Amino acid sequence: KWGTLIGAAIYTCLQASDFIIAAFQSVLKQARNAVAEVTGAVVTLAGVSVLALTHVGALPMLGASLLGAAVALAISIRLVRRLVPFRMSCDLSLWRRYLIAGLPLAGSQILGMAMLRGDSLLLSLLQPAAAVGLYGVPSKLFEITTSVPYQLAGLMMPALTASAASDRAEFSRQLGRTLDATAVYGVAVVIAFAPFAGRLLALISGERFAAGAPALVVISFAVALAGLTHVLRFTLVACGRPRLVLIADAAACACAFAAYFALIPRFSLLGAAAGTVVAEASALVAMVLALQRAGRRLPSLVNPAKAVIAGALAALAMKYLADFGAPWLLALAAGGVLYLALVTLTRAIPRELVQVIFGAARKTGVGHG
């Protein structure tokens, strides 16, 4: 119970820090937010490293995490006040307005968390503990790798919001570039995880966890789908359609749990991974339909198709290198280099991506908002 309370405090600090990020984004000063996050991470790492030597248990470890999160929040508040002076106040009328406006997004977050944790929960109820342990590493890798497109979509949020209200052509270009970059990243995750899944798990967690390789292969495809879904979810919010996000996530959650209940009892951790793919595919389809309902067209999928073809060629190259006796890490690195070369030569990577992230908001006037 004490751990739950400490965890709630950690979550509160993290959410407050995430909220402040919007202020840094609005004036294109995100380096200052990076200073706060890195400092908090260093404090956390130092704390848990010292505590690990003393074997004090879980609660002090959580306390160290809380200290790091609190330090990051304090630095963020101090730095953001130099850019946007503010003070804390209590305004119940504003609270009510924000609460009503935020309810669809809150519901969407709850449904997303249910989908994210539902596979492991049902696996723990329907299968032996060993299956849960084997599935833990692929599940954690899914959680970590999907955070990258989530952050990219968040970085693009100010530019998408501004262009959605003023310039439909620019909005379509920005959305297309973001989806292109996300697709390139998603295919890269697939070719990084799938060809040598067993050896990768053994390297990360030990030989006993290599049995979870089939689940990692399947769940790598869910990572690619989840990245595109994150971008479209942020896009709908930028268009002022949070209710459509809630409806889409509700439909996806229903499909996800139907898949979990159907697949996990029969296929164990492989069924959980397949259910995650069904969940992310359902969410992606639902977001596409919601985007169309919002009156927005999906950009061209030519560059994502180029990324898929490049990824398939890179995976084949890895297989042939491994068959000829090349070390798997060397084959993986060679495949990665080939993939990057192919997506560059075919222009699947949007050249303007960096400029879009750091300059499009200024171009559309967000920095003056």
Protein backbone atom coordinates (compact mmCIF):
# COMPACT_ATOMS: atom_id res chain seq x y z
CA LYS A 1 0.00 0.00 0.00
CA TRP A 2 2.83 2.39 0.79
CA GLY A 3 4.37 1.54 -2.56
CA THR A 4 1.10 2.44 -4.27
CA LEU A 5 1.02 5.81 -2.51
CA ILE A 6 4.63 6.56 -3.44
CA GLY A 7 3.91 5.47 -7.01
CA ALA A 8 0.92 7.84 -7.14
CA ALA A 9 3.18 10.71 -6.07
CA ILE A 10 5.73 9.75 -8.76
CA TYR A 11 2.96 9.67 -11.35
CA THR A 12 1.73 13.10 -10.24
CA CYS A 13 5.20 14.61 -10.64
CA LEU A 14 5.63 13.03 -14.07
CA GLN A 15 2.24 14.23 -15.26
CA ALA A 16 2.92 17.76 -14.02
CA SER A 17 6.27 17.73 -15.84
CA ASP A 18 4.56 16.54 -19.02
CA PHE A 19 2.05 19.37 -18.69
CA ILE A 20 4.82 21.94 -18.44
CA ILE A 21 6.41 20.59 -21.65
CA ALA A 22 3.65 22.35 -23.60
CA ALA A 23 4.95 25.72 -22.38
CA PHE A 24 8.47 24.92 -23.59
CA GLN A 25 7.07 23.70 -26.93
CA SER A 26 5.03 26.87 -27.45
CA VAL A 27 8.17 29.03 -27.46
CA LEU A 28 10.48 26.40 -29.01
CA LYS A 29 12.73 26.14 -25.93
CA GLN A 30 12.61 22.38 -25.40
CA ALA A 31 16.30 22.15 -24.54
CA ARG A 32 15.40 23.55 -21.12
CA ASN A 33 12.95 20.75 -20.56
CA ALA A 34 15.70 18.29 -21.51
CA VAL A 35 17.90 19.78 -18.77
CA ALA A 36 15.18 19.12 -16.20
CA GLU A 37 14.53 15.57 -17.39
CA VAL A 38 18.20 14.61 -17.55
CA THR A 39 18.87 16.04 -14.09
CA GLY A 40 15.94 14.13 -12.64
CA ALA A 41 17.09 10.94 -14.34
CA VAL A 42 20.62 11.36 -12.97
CA VAL A 43 19.26 11.87 -9.44
CA THR A 44 17.10 8.76 -9.78
CA LEU A 45 19.98 6.69 -11.17
CA ALA A 46 22.34 7.81 -8.42
CA GLY A 47 19.76 7.08 -5.74
CA VAL A 48 18.83 3.59 -6.89
CA SER A 49 22.50 2.74 -7.55
CA VAL A 50 23.43 3.55 -3.96
CA LEU A 51 20.37 1.76 -2.58
CA ALA A 52 21.05 -1.32 -4.70
CA LEU A 53 24.33 -1.80 -2.82
CA THR A 54 22.54 -1.75 0.54
CA HIS A 55 19.73 -4.18 -0.41
CA VAL A 56 17.15 -2.05 1.38
CA GLY A 57 14.14 -3.25 -0.61
CA ALA A 58 11.46 -1.82 -2.87
CA LEU A 59 10.11 1.15 -0.90
CA PRO A 60 13.40 3.07 -0.68
CA MET A 61 13.88 2.40 -4.40
CA LEU A 62 10.48 3.98 -5.07
CA GLY A 63 11.51 6.84 -2.80
CA ALA A 64 14.59 7.44 -4.96
CA SER A 65 12.39 7.48 -8.06
CA LEU A 66 10.09 9.99 -6.38
CA LEU A 67 13.08 12.18 -5.51
CA GLY A 68 14.25 12.20 -9.12
CA ALA A 69 10.76 13.01 -10.43
CA ALA A 70 10.35 15.81 -7.88
CA VAL A 71 13.74 17.31 -8.80
CA ALA A 72 12.83 17.25 -12.50
CA LEU A 73 9.49 18.94 -11.77
CA ALA A 74 11.10 21.62 -9.60
CA ILE A 75 13.67 22.46 -12.27
CA SER A 76 10.97 22.53 -14.96
CA ILE A 77 8.86 24.96 -12.93
CA ARG A 78 11.83 27.22 -12.30
CA LEU A 79 12.89 27.27 -15.96
CA VAL A 80 9.40 27.70 -17.40
CA ARG A 81 8.71 30.67 -15.15
CA ARG A 82 11.51 32.52 -16.94
CA LEU A 83 9.63 32.03 -20.20
CA VAL A 84 5.99 32.23 -19.11
CA PRO A 85 5.58 33.87 -15.69
CA PHE A 86 2.73 32.30 -13.72
CA ARG A 87 1.57 31.58 -10.21
CA MET A 88 -0.53 28.87 -8.63
CA SER A 89 -4.18 29.73 -8.03
CA CYS A 90 -7.53 28.11 -7.31
CA ASP A 91 -10.29 28.90 -9.81
CA LEU A 92 -13.15 26.39 -9.56
CA SER A 93 -14.90 27.69 -12.68
CA LEU A 94 -11.77 27.01 -14.74
CA TRP A 95 -11.35 23.63 -13.08
CA ARG A 96 -14.88 22.69 -14.11
CA ARG A 97 -14.31 23.83 -17.70
CA TYR A 98 -11.03 21.96 -18.03
CA LEU A 99 -12.47 18.88 -16.37
CA ILE A 100 -15.36 18.69 -18.81
CA ALA A 101 -13.08 19.35 -21.78
CA GLY A 102 -10.58 16.73 -20.60
CA LEU A 103 -13.02 13.91 -19.83
CA PRO A 104 -12.84 12.36 -23.34
CA LEU A 105 -9.03 12.37 -23.23
CA ALA A 106 -9.05 10.93 -19.71
CA GLY A 107 -11.36 8.15 -20.84
CA SER A 108 -9.10 7.50 -23.82
CA GLN A 109 -6.05 7.28 -21.53
CA ILE A 110 -7.83 4.79 -19.26
CA LEU A 111 -8.81 2.62 -22.21
CA GLY A 112 -5.28 2.82 -23.58
CA MET A 113 -3.85 1.70 -20.25
CA ALA A 114 -6.35 -1.17 -20.14
CA MET A 115 -5.18 -2.33 -23.57
CA LEU A 116 -1.53 -1.91 -22.62
CA ARG A 117 -1.81 -3.94 -19.42
CA GLY A 118 -4.75 -6.19 -20.26
CA ASP A 119 -2.65 -8.82 -22.03
CA SER A 120 -0.31 -9.30 -19.06
CA LEU A 121 -3.19 -9.27 -16.58
CA LEU A 122 -5.19 -11.93 -18.41
CA LEU A 123 -2.03 -13.93 -19.03
CA SER A 124 -1.41 -13.98 -15.27
CA LEU A 125 -4.97 -15.19 -14.64
CA LEU A 126 -5.19 -17.78 -17.40
CA GLN A 127 -1.63 -19.14 -17.69
CA PRO A 128 1.19 -20.23 -15.33
CA ALA A 129 3.53 -17.66 -13.81
CA ALA A 130 6.35 -18.81 -16.11
CA ALA A 131 4.41 -17.55 -19.14
CA VAL A 132 4.03 -14.14 -17.51
CA GLY A 133 7.77 -14.00 -16.84
CA LEU A 134 8.68 -14.94 -20.42
CA TYR A 135 6.22 -12.39 -21.77
CA GLY A 136 7.52 -9.64 -19.50
CA VAL A 137 10.57 -8.73 -21.61
CA PRO A 138 8.74 -8.49 -24.99
CA SER A 139 6.00 -6.50 -23.26
CA LYS A 140 8.52 -4.07 -21.77
CA LEU A 141 10.29 -3.68 -25.10
CA PHE A 142 6.92 -2.85 -26.66
CA GLU A 143 6.31 -0.20 -24.03
CA ILE A 144 9.76 1.37 -24.45
CA THR A 145 9.85 1.43 -28.24
CA THR A 146 6.34 2.86 -28.62
CA SER A 147 7.36 5.85 -26.49
CA VAL A 148 9.47 7.24 -29.37
CA PRO A 149 6.60 7.87 -31.85
CA TYR A 150 4.52 9.11 -28.92
CA GLN A 151 7.15 11.76 -28.21
CA LEU A 152 7.44 12.64 -31.91
CA ALA A 153 3.68 13.16 -32.13
CA GLY A 154 3.85 15.34 -29.03
CA LEU A 155 6.61 17.44 -30.58
CA MET A 156 4.47 17.97 -33.67
CA MET A 157 1.36 18.86 -31.65
CA PRO A 158 1.81 22.67 -31.64
CA ALA A 159 2.44 22.82 -35.40
CA LEU A 160 -0.46 20.49 -36.17
CA THR A 161 -2.80 22.48 -33.95
CA ALA A 162 -1.89 25.77 -35.60
CA SER A 163 -2.07 24.51 -39.18
CA ALA A 164 -5.32 22.62 -38.54
CA ALA A 165 -7.00 25.94 -37.81
CA SER A 166 -5.45 28.04 -40.55
CA ASP A 167 -3.88 26.08 -43.43
CA ARG A 168 -5.28 22.71 -44.48
CA ALA A 169 -2.56 22.15 -47.10
CA GLU A 170 0.23 22.73 -44.57
CA PHE A 171 -1.59 20.54 -42.06
CA SER A 172 -1.70 17.69 -44.60
CA ARG A 173 2.03 18.10 -45.36
CA GLN A 174 2.98 18.07 -41.68
CA LEU A 175 0.82 15.04 -40.95
CA GLY A 176 2.25 13.21 -43.97
CA ARG A 177 5.85 13.89 -42.93
CA THR A 178 5.15 12.75 -39.37
CA LEU A 179 3.49 9.53 -40.55
CA ASP A 180 6.39 8.90 -42.94
CA ALA A 181 8.95 9.24 -40.15
CA THR A 182 6.87 7.05 -37.84
CA ALA A 183 6.51 4.35 -40.49
CA VAL A 184 10.28 4.34 -41.12
CA TYR A 185 10.85 3.94 -37.38
CA GLY A 186 8.22 1.20 -37.02
CA VAL A 187 9.68 -0.91 -39.81
CA ALA A 188 13.14 -0.44 -38.27
CA VAL A 189 11.85 -1.87 -34.98
CA VAL A 190 10.44 -4.91 -36.79
CA ILE A 191 13.72 -5.71 -38.56
CA ALA A 192 15.63 -5.09 -35.31
CA PHE A 193 13.47 -7.44 -33.20
CA ALA A 194 12.11 -10.14 -35.50
CA PRO A 195 15.06 -11.78 -37.34
CA PHE A 196 17.10 -12.61 -34.20
CA ALA A 197 14.45 -12.39 -31.48
CA GLY A 198 15.72 -15.33 -29.45
CA ARG A 199 19.34 -14.16 -29.42
CA LEU A 200 18.26 -10.61 -28.62
CA LEU A 201 16.24 -11.79 -25.61
CA ALA A 202 19.15 -13.94 -24.43
CA LEU A 203 21.46 -10.93 -24.69
CA ILE A 204 19.07 -8.68 -22.75
CA SER A 205 17.75 -11.03 -20.08
CA GLY A 206 19.60 -14.35 -20.27
CA GLU A 207 19.19 -17.64 -22.08
CA ARG A 208 16.12 -18.69 -20.07
CA PHE A 209 14.11 -15.83 -21.61
CA ALA A 210 14.92 -16.83 -25.20
CA ALA A 211 11.77 -18.98 -25.16
CA GLY A 212 9.79 -15.75 -25.46
CA ALA A 213 11.17 -15.13 -28.97
CA PRO A 214 7.92 -15.93 -30.86
CA ALA A 215 6.08 -13.37 -28.76
CA LEU A 216 8.73 -10.71 -29.49
CA VAL A 217 8.51 -11.40 -33.23
CA VAL A 218 4.74 -10.90 -33.20
CA ILE A 219 4.77 -7.91 -30.88
CA SER A 220 7.32 -6.08 -33.03
CA PHE A 221 4.58 -5.61 -35.64
CA ALA A 222 2.36 -4.12 -32.94
CA VAL A 223 5.06 -1.49 -32.32
CA ALA A 224 4.89 -0.35 -35.95
CA LEU A 225 1.09 -0.11 -35.82
CA ALA A 226 1.08 1.66 -32.45
CA GLY A 227 3.38 4.41 -33.71
CA LEU A 228 0.98 5.34 -36.51
CA THR A 229 -1.94 5.22 -34.08
CA HIS A 230 -0.21 7.64 -31.70
CA VAL A 231 0.29 10.16 -34.50
CA LEU A 232 -3.34 9.99 -35.59
CA ARG A 233 -4.55 10.23 -31.98
CA PHE A 234 -2.60 13.46 -31.45
CA THR A 235 -3.83 14.69 -34.85
CA LEU A 236 -7.46 14.28 -33.87
CA VAL A 237 -6.84 16.19 -30.66
CA ALA A 238 -5.13 18.93 -32.68
CA CYS A 239 -8.29 19.11 -34.80
CA GLY A 240 -10.40 19.57 -31.67
CA ARG A 241 -12.02 16.12 -31.86
CA PRO A 242 -11.21 14.39 -28.55
CA ARG A 243 -14.60 12.66 -28.50
CA LEU A 244 -13.73 10.85 -31.70
CA VAL A 245 -10.52 9.68 -30.02
CA LEU A 246 -12.55 8.27 -27.13
CA ILE A 247 -14.95 6.47 -29.47
CA ALA A 248 -12.07 5.02 -31.50
CA ASP A 249 -10.24 3.83 -28.39
CA ALA A 250 -13.42 2.29 -26.99
CA ALA A 251 -13.94 0.27 -30.17
CA ALA A 252 -10.27 -0.78 -30.19
CA CYS A 253 -10.42 -1.78 -26.52
CA ALA A 254 -13.43 -4.02 -27.18
CA CYS A 255 -11.60 -5.72 -30.06
CA ALA A 256 -8.47 -6.07 -27.94
CA PHE A 257 -10.13 -7.85 -25.04
CA ALA A 258 -12.11 -10.08 -27.40
CA ALA A 259 -8.78 -11.12 -28.91
CA TYR A 260 -7.13 -11.57 -25.51
CA PHE A 261 -9.91 -13.84 -24.22
CA ALA A 262 -9.93 -15.84 -27.45
CA LEU A 263 -6.17 -16.26 -27.93
CA ILE A 264 -4.48 -16.31 -24.51
CA PRO A 265 -6.15 -19.49 -23.14
CA ARG A 266 -5.12 -21.40 -26.27
CA PHE A 267 -1.79 -19.89 -27.28
CA SER A 268 -0.44 -18.50 -23.97
CA LEU A 269 2.13 -15.70 -24.39
CA LEU A 270 2.03 -15.96 -28.19
CA GLY A 271 -1.71 -15.36 -27.97
CA ALA A 272 -1.09 -12.32 -25.78
CA ALA A 273 1.29 -10.91 -28.39
CA ALA A 274 -1.16 -11.64 -31.20
CA GLY A 275 -3.90 -9.96 -29.17
CA THR A 276 -1.69 -6.87 -28.88
CA VAL A 277 -1.36 -6.79 -32.68
CA VAL A 278 -5.14 -7.04 -32.99
CA ALA A 279 -5.51 -4.23 -30.44
CA GLU A 280 -3.14 -1.89 -32.27
CA ALA A 281 -4.53 -2.74 -35.70
CA SER A 282 -8.06 -2.07 -34.43
CA ALA A 283 -6.96 1.23 -32.90
CA LEU A 284 -5.27 2.29 -36.15
CA VAL A 285 -8.33 1.49 -38.26
CA ALA A 286 -10.57 3.29 -35.77
CA MET A 287 -8.32 6.40 -35.82
CA VAL A 288 -8.30 6.46 -39.63
CA LEU A 289 -12.10 6.31 -39.69
CA ALA A 290 -12.29 9.02 -37.03
CA LEU A 291 -9.93 11.21 -39.05
CA GLN A 292 -12.19 10.85 -42.08
CA ARG A 293 -15.21 11.68 -39.95
CA ALA A 294 -13.40 14.82 -38.81
CA GLY A 295 -13.19 15.88 -42.44
CA ARG A 296 -9.47 15.23 -42.86
CA ARG A 297 -7.89 13.08 -45.52
CA LEU A 298 -5.16 10.56 -44.83
CA PRO A 299 -1.93 11.64 -46.59
CA SER A 300 -0.23 9.55 -49.26
CA LEU A 301 1.09 6.17 -48.09
CA VAL A 302 3.80 5.95 -50.76
CA ASN A 303 6.69 6.57 -48.35
CA PRO A 304 5.44 4.07 -45.73
CA ALA A 305 5.19 1.50 -48.54
CA LYS A 306 8.80 2.28 -49.52
CA ALA A 307 9.83 1.72 -45.90
CA VAL A 308 8.10 -1.69 -45.82
CA ILE A 309 9.84 -2.79 -49.03
CA ALA A 310 13.20 -1.55 -47.75
CA GLY A 311 12.64 -3.39 -44.48
CA ALA A 312 11.82 -6.64 -46.28
CA LEU A 313 15.01 -6.40 -48.35
CA ALA A 314 17.06 -5.66 -45.24
CA ALA A 315 15.54 -8.65 -43.41
CA LEU A 316 16.39 -10.92 -46.36
CA ALA A 317 19.95 -9.61 -46.32
CA MET A 318 20.21 -10.41 -42.60
CA LYS A 319 18.95 -13.94 -43.21
CA TYR A 320 21.46 -14.63 -45.98
CA LEU A 321 24.33 -13.23 -43.92
CA ALA A 322 23.35 -15.41 -40.96
CA ASP A 323 23.00 -18.47 -43.22
CA PHE A 324 26.55 -17.88 -44.46
CA GLY A 325 27.84 -17.94 -40.89
CA ALA A 326 28.09 -14.23 -40.09
CA PRO A 327 27.66 -13.37 -36.37
CA TRP A 328 24.10 -12.33 -35.71
CA LEU A 329 25.06 -8.90 -34.33
CA LEU A 330 27.08 -8.21 -37.49
CA ALA A 331 24.16 -9.35 -39.66
CA LEU A 332 21.82 -7.13 -37.67
CA ALA A 333 24.10 -4.11 -38.05
CA ALA A 334 24.54 -4.73 -41.78
CA GLY A 335 20.79 -5.03 -42.25
CA GLY A 336 20.26 -1.79 -40.37
CA VAL A 337 22.78 0.04 -42.55
CA LEU A 338 21.17 -1.35 -45.70
CA TYR A 339 17.72 -0.31 -44.49
CA LEU A 340 18.84 3.25 -43.77
CA ALA A 341 20.53 3.45 -47.16
CA LEU A 342 17.42 2.22 -48.96
CA VAL A 343 14.98 4.58 -47.23
CA THR A 344 17.39 7.44 -47.90
CA LEU A 345 17.85 6.62 -51.56
CA THR A 346 14.11 6.18 -52.10
CA ARG A 347 13.42 9.38 -50.12
CA ALA A 348 11.13 7.56 -47.72
CA ILE A 349 12.67 9.64 -44.92
CA PRO A 350 11.24 13.16 -45.09
CA ARG A 351 14.16 15.51 -45.58
CA GLU A 352 12.37 18.34 -43.84
CA LEU A 353 11.62 16.32 -40.71
CA VAL A 354 14.05 18.14 -38.44
CA GLN A 355 12.96 21.51 -39.80
CA VAL A 356 9.32 20.54 -39.29
CA ILE A 357 9.88 19.55 -35.68
CA PHE A 358 11.88 22.62 -34.72
CA GLY A 359 10.70 25.17 -37.26
CA ALA A 360 7.18 24.49 -38.42
CA ALA A 361 5.64 25.83 -35.25
CA ARG A 362 7.44 29.16 -35.80
CA LYS A 363 6.40 29.15 -39.45
CA THR A 364 2.73 28.75 -38.59
CA GLY A 365 2.88 31.31 -35.81
CA VAL A 366 2.71 29.05 -32.76
CA GLY A 367 5.71 30.76 -31.21
CA HIS A 368 3.69 34.00 -31.11
CA GLY A 369 0.58 32.45 -29.58
